[in-house]
Amino acid sequence: MKDVMDYIKKNLGLEEESEDEEEKDTIIVPEHSFYEIILMKAQGIPDIEDALKQITEEKNPIILDMGFIENNPEESKQVGEKLKEFRDNIGGEAILLCKQGNVVIITPPEIKLLKK
């Protein structure tokens, strides 16, 4: 009879976990207790380079307004190359936040962005 009750409890999810299973639980502690998300308005390519350096060193994401590149195709191309290099070499992410403007969020590899 005990076997039947154990089988029913197990199928209904009422079975108590054994102590061995509790000891196998893994606790994941984040590297940072919190992240500072920085909002920055870039005035030129040096500001972009500083932002990427800060993301790499400090591990904080940056929301970057790059309105300065709207009328300058050469700087726009340079920024695109720098962001591609950052993503390829460092493993970070960069996603355009709005279609009307050049606002981008750039994150270190430790933070993953999900598009929904």
Protein backbone atom coordinates (compact mmCIF):
# COMPACT_ATOMS: atom_id res chain seq x y z
CA MET A 1 0.00 0.00 0.00
CA LYS A 2 2.89 2.36 0.81
CA ASP A 3 4.27 1.87 -2.70
CA VAL A 4 0.94 2.89 -4.22
CA MET A 5 0.76 6.03 -2.06
CA ASP A 6 4.37 6.95 -2.93
CA TYR A 7 3.59 6.48 -6.63
CA ILE A 8 0.49 8.71 -6.41
CA LYS A 9 2.36 11.40 -4.45
CA LYS A 10 5.19 11.35 -6.96
CA ASN A 11 2.83 11.73 -9.94
CA LEU A 12 0.93 14.55 -8.29
CA GLY A 13 4.11 16.37 -7.32
CA LEU A 14 3.43 15.96 -3.62
CA GLU A 15 6.49 13.89 -2.90
CA GLU A 16 8.90 15.57 -0.53
CA GLU A 17 12.37 16.22 -1.87
CA SER A 18 15.10 14.22 -0.29
CA GLU A 19 17.96 15.91 1.50
CA ASP A 20 20.39 14.78 -1.20
CA GLU A 21 18.47 16.68 -3.89
CA GLU A 22 18.42 19.84 -1.78
CA GLU A 23 22.19 19.74 -1.42
CA LYS A 24 22.59 19.62 -5.22
CA ASP A 25 20.92 23.01 -5.70
CA THR A 26 23.23 25.60 -7.19
CA ILE A 27 23.25 29.17 -6.02
CA ILE A 28 24.29 31.74 -8.60
CA VAL A 29 25.60 34.99 -7.23
CA PRO A 30 25.73 37.89 -9.69
CA GLU A 31 29.05 39.53 -10.32
CA HIS A 32 27.51 42.93 -9.64
CA SER A 33 24.86 43.57 -7.04
CA PHE A 34 23.38 46.17 -9.40
CA TYR A 35 24.19 47.83 -12.69
CA GLU A 36 24.30 51.54 -13.29
CA ILE A 37 22.72 52.34 -16.63
CA ILE A 38 24.35 55.48 -17.96
CA LEU A 39 22.58 57.89 -20.30
CA MET A 40 25.06 59.77 -22.47
CA LYS A 41 24.84 62.21 -25.37
CA ALA A 42 27.86 61.73 -27.60
CA GLN A 43 29.33 64.78 -29.31
CA GLY A 44 31.80 62.93 -31.51
CA ILE A 45 33.81 59.79 -32.15
CA PRO A 46 36.01 60.28 -29.02
CA ASP A 47 32.85 60.14 -26.86
CA ILE A 48 31.89 56.85 -28.52
CA GLU A 49 35.36 55.45 -27.83
CA ASP A 50 35.14 56.58 -24.18
CA ALA A 51 31.71 54.97 -23.81
CA LEU A 52 32.93 51.65 -25.22
CA LYS A 53 35.97 51.76 -22.94
CA GLN A 54 33.74 52.43 -19.92
CA ILE A 55 31.44 49.54 -20.84
CA THR A 56 34.42 47.21 -21.12
CA GLU A 57 36.05 48.31 -17.85
CA GLU A 58 33.08 49.12 -15.60
CA LYS A 59 30.67 46.51 -17.03
CA ASN A 60 27.75 48.98 -17.01
CA PRO A 61 25.39 49.42 -19.97
CA ILE A 62 25.10 52.81 -21.66
CA ILE A 63 22.16 54.36 -23.46
CA LEU A 64 23.86 56.53 -26.04
CA ASP A 65 22.28 59.39 -27.99
CA MET A 66 24.30 59.73 -31.18
CA GLY A 67 22.36 62.58 -32.78
CA PHE A 68 25.61 64.15 -33.98
CA ILE A 69 25.97 61.57 -36.75
CA GLU A 70 22.62 62.29 -38.42
CA ASN A 71 24.08 64.64 -41.04
CA ASN A 72 27.56 63.16 -41.29
CA PRO A 73 27.76 59.91 -43.28
CA GLU A 74 31.51 59.54 -42.65
CA GLU A 75 31.13 59.63 -38.85
CA SER A 76 28.09 57.36 -39.12
CA LYS A 77 30.22 54.79 -40.92
CA GLN A 78 33.00 55.08 -38.30
CA VAL A 79 30.53 54.61 -35.44
CA GLY A 80 29.07 51.55 -37.17
CA GLU A 81 32.53 50.05 -37.55
CA LYS A 82 33.41 50.73 -33.90
CA LEU A 83 30.18 49.11 -32.69
CA LYS A 84 30.72 46.08 -34.94
CA GLU A 85 34.30 45.75 -33.68
CA PHE A 86 33.05 46.00 -30.08
CA ARG A 87 30.46 43.27 -30.65
CA ASP A 88 32.88 40.96 -32.46
CA ASN A 89 35.91 41.38 -30.18
CA ILE A 90 34.37 42.02 -26.75
CA GLY A 91 31.08 40.15 -27.16
CA GLY A 92 28.87 43.03 -26.07
CA GLU A 93 25.58 43.99 -27.63
CA ALA A 94 24.32 47.16 -29.30
CA ILE A 95 20.67 47.66 -30.22
CA LEU A 96 18.95 50.68 -31.74
CA LEU A 97 16.22 51.82 -29.34
CA CYS A 98 14.17 54.03 -31.63
CA LYS A 99 13.71 54.44 -35.36
CA GLN A 100 13.57 58.23 -35.27
CA GLY A 101 16.98 59.13 -34.00
CA ASN A 102 20.20 57.46 -33.17
CA VAL A 103 19.65 56.23 -29.63
CA VAL A 104 21.42 52.95 -28.94
CA ILE A 105 21.83 50.77 -25.85
CA ILE A 106 25.24 49.16 -25.60
CA THR A 107 25.89 46.42 -23.03
CA PRO A 108 28.86 44.39 -21.87
CA PRO A 109 28.93 40.63 -22.58
CA GLU A 110 27.60 39.89 -19.08
CA ILE A 111 24.25 41.49 -19.93
CA LYS A 112 22.11 40.02 -22.69
CA LEU A 113 19.38 42.02 -24.40
CA LEU A 114 16.22 40.27 -25.55
CA LYS A 115 14.15 41.65 -28.42
CA LYS A 116 10.42 41.01 -28.10
